[in-house]
Structures are given as C-alpha cells and as structure tokens.
Amino acid sequence: MTPPLSNLAAAPHSAPVTDWAGRIAWVAGLLVFVVFVYWLMRQGWKWRSTLQGDLPELPTAPADAGEPQLTLSGRYHGSTTAGQWLDRIVARGLGTRSRAELTLTDRGLDVVRPGATDFFVPAAALRGARLDKGIAGKVLTEGGLLIVTWEHGDRRIDSGFRSDRADEHPAWVEAVNRLSTTEHTTSTTEHTETEGAR
C-alpha cells in the first residue's frame, strides 16, 4: 500500500551538501588579497624612505643636556613635513610610532623612545609648538596633539606627541615657543653682529 502524501512530505530530508572546495578557494583568495595589500603598503613605505634618504642622521642628546624645565610621558605619533600633516616622514626612524619620554631643557628637546630611535632637537632648531588635532595616520579631538616644529638639515618638520595627561599640553606649547623665540632672536643677533664686524 502506498503511504499518504502527508507522510512523504514529513519524511526527513538529507542536509544540504557543503561545497568545501568553493569555501577554501574563497578563503585562499582573500588571504592572497590581504598579503598583496600589505606588500604594496610595505613597498610604499620603503619608497618613501628612499625618497627621504637625504635626511641627515638625527642628533643625540649632549652629555650635559641641562636642567629639565618640563618632562612628559606619552606617545610619539610620527613626523611630517611642516604644514603638510599627511606628508609623513619615515626616514631615520621618524615614521615609527612608540612610547616617548620628552624632556625640555635650555639646550633643547630630548625625545627618548623605548624600542625606537631616540633623537634630540637643539634649542636653535626649535621653531615653535602648537596644539592640533591630527598628524599622518592619527586624528584626535581638537587640541589633542602637541605638535613641535623644528628644523633638521634643510627640512622643517612637525612631530606629533600626546601626553598621558593632555592637560600638560598648553604648558609645553608655551615653554617651547618661549625657548624657540629666545634662541632664534639670539642666533639672529649673533649673525648680524658677525656680518657687521666684516
């Protein structure tokens, strides 16, 4: 005797077959794409470093750096060509983000970076400081970054820092601007006196 149609409809059905070959192909294709994008980014970084190969070695802190005026613990977010917040500088390790310990003395700005290249900005090379919201690859709320402008070789550079305590930033802006103005005035006066003596 033939079973009723309702019984046939209620009978268990086999589970849909999984196409493992198709899934593996998709995953492999996605992995190849991610690796390719990473490789392109790496090549761009190396190309930029080659273009900036004329940047001189970064100065190191003198043995007697002077009495600390201010100190800051926080993060170093990178450096760019001054006034061009997306033109990242990667040569000489300036492109490496890291923790940073900053010390400002009358001799200049000492930047100690665990796991990355330390550098020192002589007072005569400081060109000022300001609060800003972004630098290549990092955007924060308005005033969230301390930007220090300095000269190295024939380049003017903006370096971005963020203190663990953002309320320290205004004092740093004031102190760096005061030091850079004093040094710039002194250098100009000495240059004028030298020219006048000739």
Protein backbone atom coordinates (compact mmCIF):
# COMPACT_ATOMS: atom_id res chain seq x y z
CA MET A 1 0.00 0.00 0.00
CA THR A 2 1.29 3.46 -0.94
CA PRO A 3 1.92 5.81 2.08
CA PRO A 4 -0.13 9.01 2.15
CA LEU A 5 1.40 12.13 0.64
CA SER A 6 1.44 13.88 4.05
CA ASN A 7 3.76 11.16 5.38
CA LEU A 8 6.11 11.59 2.42
CA ALA A 9 6.27 15.36 2.92
CA ALA A 10 7.13 14.92 6.60
CA ALA A 11 9.90 12.40 5.90
CA PRO A 12 13.43 13.57 6.86
CA HIS A 13 15.50 15.17 4.12
CA SER A 14 19.28 14.96 3.75
CA ALA A 15 21.29 18.05 4.87
CA PRO A 16 22.48 20.35 2.10
CA VAL A 17 25.93 19.42 0.85
CA THR A 18 28.69 21.92 1.80
CA ASP A 19 30.91 22.94 -1.11
CA TRP A 20 34.25 22.79 0.75
CA ALA A 21 36.31 23.36 -2.38
CA GLY A 22 34.47 26.62 -3.07
CA ARG A 23 34.84 27.83 0.51
CA ILE A 24 38.56 27.04 0.63
CA ALA A 25 39.07 28.85 -2.69
CA TRP A 26 37.32 31.97 -1.31
CA VAL A 27 39.41 31.96 1.90
CA ALA A 28 42.63 31.42 -0.07
CA GLY A 29 41.73 34.25 -2.46
CA LEU A 30 41.01 36.59 0.46
CA LEU A 31 44.34 35.73 2.12
CA VAL A 32 46.23 36.36 -1.13
CA PHE A 33 44.50 39.75 -1.45
CA VAL A 34 45.38 40.76 2.15
CA VAL A 35 49.03 39.72 1.65
CA PHE A 36 49.17 41.67 -1.63
CA VAL A 37 47.77 44.84 0.00
CA TYR A 38 50.27 44.50 2.87
CA TRP A 39 53.11 44.07 0.35
CA LEU A 40 52.00 47.22 -1.53
CA MET A 41 51.95 49.20 1.74
CA ARG A 42 55.42 47.92 2.63
CA GLN A 43 56.76 48.89 -0.82
CA GLY A 44 55.25 52.38 -0.44
CA TRP A 45 56.93 52.77 2.95
CA LYS A 46 60.32 51.70 1.52
CA TRP A 47 59.89 54.00 -1.49
CA ARG A 48 59.10 56.95 0.78
CA SER A 49 62.15 56.13 2.93
CA THR A 50 64.34 56.10 -0.19
CA LEU A 51 62.98 59.49 -1.30
CA GLN A 52 63.83 60.90 2.13
CA GLY A 53 67.31 59.36 2.19
CA ASP A 54 68.94 62.80 2.16
CA LEU A 55 67.67 63.48 5.69
CA PRO A 56 70.77 63.72 7.94
CA GLU A 57 71.31 61.45 10.94
CA LEU A 58 69.23 62.53 13.92
CA PRO A 59 71.20 64.36 16.62
CA THR A 60 71.58 62.72 20.02
CA ALA A 61 71.36 64.41 23.39
CA PRO A 62 74.57 66.01 24.66
CA ALA A 63 76.20 64.60 27.80
CA ASP A 64 75.18 67.74 29.69
CA ALA A 65 71.66 68.44 28.44
CA GLY A 66 70.97 70.99 31.16
CA GLU A 67 68.38 71.31 33.90
CA PRO A 68 64.92 69.93 32.93
CA GLN A 69 62.24 72.61 32.56
CA LEU A 70 59.43 70.19 31.66
CA THR A 71 59.02 66.43 31.31
CA LEU A 72 56.28 64.47 29.60
CA SER A 73 55.36 60.79 29.30
CA GLY A 74 53.15 59.78 26.42
CA ARG A 75 53.21 58.65 22.80
CA TYR A 76 55.09 59.74 19.72
CA HIS A 77 52.69 59.60 16.75
CA GLY A 78 55.04 60.47 13.89
CA SER A 79 56.58 63.32 11.94
CA THR A 80 55.55 65.10 8.75
CA THR A 81 56.79 67.90 6.55
CA ALA A 82 55.86 71.07 8.44
CA GLY A 83 52.44 72.40 7.46
CA GLN A 84 51.58 69.23 5.48
CA TRP A 85 50.01 66.91 8.03
CA LEU A 86 49.66 63.98 5.61
CA ASP A 87 53.24 64.05 4.22
CA ARG A 88 54.71 61.50 6.63
CA ILE A 89 58.48 61.35 7.17
CA VAL A 90 59.69 57.76 7.66
CA ALA A 91 63.47 58.13 7.22
CA ARG A 92 65.81 57.76 10.22
CA GLY A 93 63.11 56.00 12.23
CA LEU A 94 60.85 59.06 12.41
CA GLY A 95 57.96 57.03 10.98
CA THR A 96 57.91 54.56 13.88
CA ARG A 97 55.20 55.19 16.46
CA SER A 98 56.21 54.50 20.04
CA ARG A 99 56.01 55.44 23.67
CA ALA A 100 58.03 58.57 24.37
CA GLU A 101 59.62 60.41 27.27
CA LEU A 102 60.18 64.10 26.50
CA THR A 103 62.48 66.40 28.44
CA LEU A 104 62.76 70.10 27.64
CA THR A 105 65.88 71.94 28.81
CA ASP A 106 67.51 75.21 27.82
CA ARG A 107 69.69 73.14 25.44
CA GLY A 108 66.73 71.66 23.55
CA LEU A 109 64.18 68.84 23.42
CA ASP A 110 65.27 65.28 24.25
CA VAL A 111 62.97 62.55 22.90
CA VAL A 112 63.60 59.08 24.36
CA ARG A 113 61.66 56.30 22.61
CA PRO A 114 61.85 52.75 24.00
CA GLY A 115 62.16 50.33 21.09
CA ALA A 116 62.73 53.11 18.53
CA THR A 117 65.36 55.71 17.64
CA ASP A 118 65.88 58.44 20.24
CA PHE A 119 66.56 61.96 19.00
CA PHE A 120 67.42 65.41 20.26
CA VAL A 121 66.22 68.74 18.89
CA PRO A 122 68.71 71.51 19.74
CA ALA A 123 67.12 74.72 21.02
CA ALA A 124 68.44 76.57 17.96
CA ALA A 125 66.49 74.17 15.71
CA LEU A 126 63.15 74.59 17.50
CA ARG A 127 60.65 76.66 15.53
CA GLY A 128 57.63 76.52 17.82
CA ALA A 129 54.81 74.35 19.13
CA ARG A 130 51.03 74.29 18.86
CA LEU A 131 48.00 72.19 19.68
CA ASP A 132 46.38 70.37 16.77
CA LYS A 133 44.02 67.50 16.08
CA GLY A 134 45.88 65.41 13.53
CA ILE A 135 49.11 64.18 12.03
CA ALA A 136 49.54 61.49 9.36
CA GLY A 137 47.62 58.42 10.47
CA LYS A 138 46.33 59.87 13.74
CA VAL A 139 43.33 62.16 14.23
CA LEU A 140 42.08 63.18 17.66
CA THR A 141 39.78 65.81 19.10
CA GLU A 142 40.79 69.45 18.60
CA GLY A 143 43.91 70.19 20.64
CA GLY A 144 44.56 66.51 21.35
CA LEU A 145 48.07 66.54 19.88
CA LEU A 146 51.16 68.53 20.81
CA ILE A 147 52.93 69.44 17.56
CA VAL A 148 56.56 70.56 17.82
CA THR A 149 58.04 72.23 14.73
CA TRP A 150 61.80 72.01 14.22
CA GLU A 151 64.44 72.16 11.50
CA HIS A 152 66.78 69.35 10.56
CA GLY A 153 69.10 69.72 7.59
CA ASP A 154 67.12 71.70 5.02
CA ARG A 155 63.76 70.34 6.19
CA ARG A 156 61.21 71.84 8.53
CA ILE A 157 59.48 69.05 10.44
CA ASP A 158 56.30 68.73 12.53
CA SER A 159 56.48 65.98 15.18
CA GLY A 160 53.31 64.88 16.97
CA PHE A 161 53.13 63.83 20.61
CA ARG A 162 50.29 63.05 23.00
CA SER A 163 50.85 63.20 26.74
CA ASP A 164 49.30 60.64 29.05
CA ARG A 165 47.84 63.76 30.70
CA ALA A 166 46.57 66.05 27.94
CA ASP A 167 46.25 68.98 30.34
CA GLU A 168 50.07 69.27 30.18
CA HIS A 169 49.99 70.30 26.51
CA PRO A 170 49.40 74.08 26.94
CA ALA A 171 52.41 74.43 29.27
CA TRP A 172 54.56 72.66 26.68
CA VAL A 173 53.36 74.93 23.88
CA GLU A 174 54.21 77.99 25.94
CA ALA A 175 57.65 76.71 27.02
CA VAL A 176 58.73 75.51 23.55
CA ASN A 177 57.56 78.76 21.92
CA ARG A 178 59.41 80.81 24.54
CA LEU A 179 62.63 78.78 24.06
CA SER A 180 62.44 78.82 20.25
CA THR A 181 61.82 82.60 20.20
CA THR A 182 64.72 83.26 22.58
CA GLU A 183 67.10 81.04 20.60
CA HIS A 184 66.01 82.46 17.24
CA THR A 185 66.48 86.04 18.48
CA THR A 186 69.92 85.20 19.90
CA SER A 187 71.01 83.48 16.67
CA THR A 188 69.82 86.42 14.55
CA THR A 189 71.62 88.94 16.78
CA GLU A 190 74.87 86.96 16.67
CA HIS A 191 74.63 86.64 12.88
CA THR A 192 74.01 90.40 12.49
CA GLU A 193 76.95 91.27 14.75
CA THR A 194 79.23 88.92 12.80
CA GLU A 195 78.15 90.43 9.49
CA GLY A 196 78.67 93.97 10.86
CA ALA A 197 82.21 93.15 12.02
CA ARG A 198 83.30 92.23 8.48
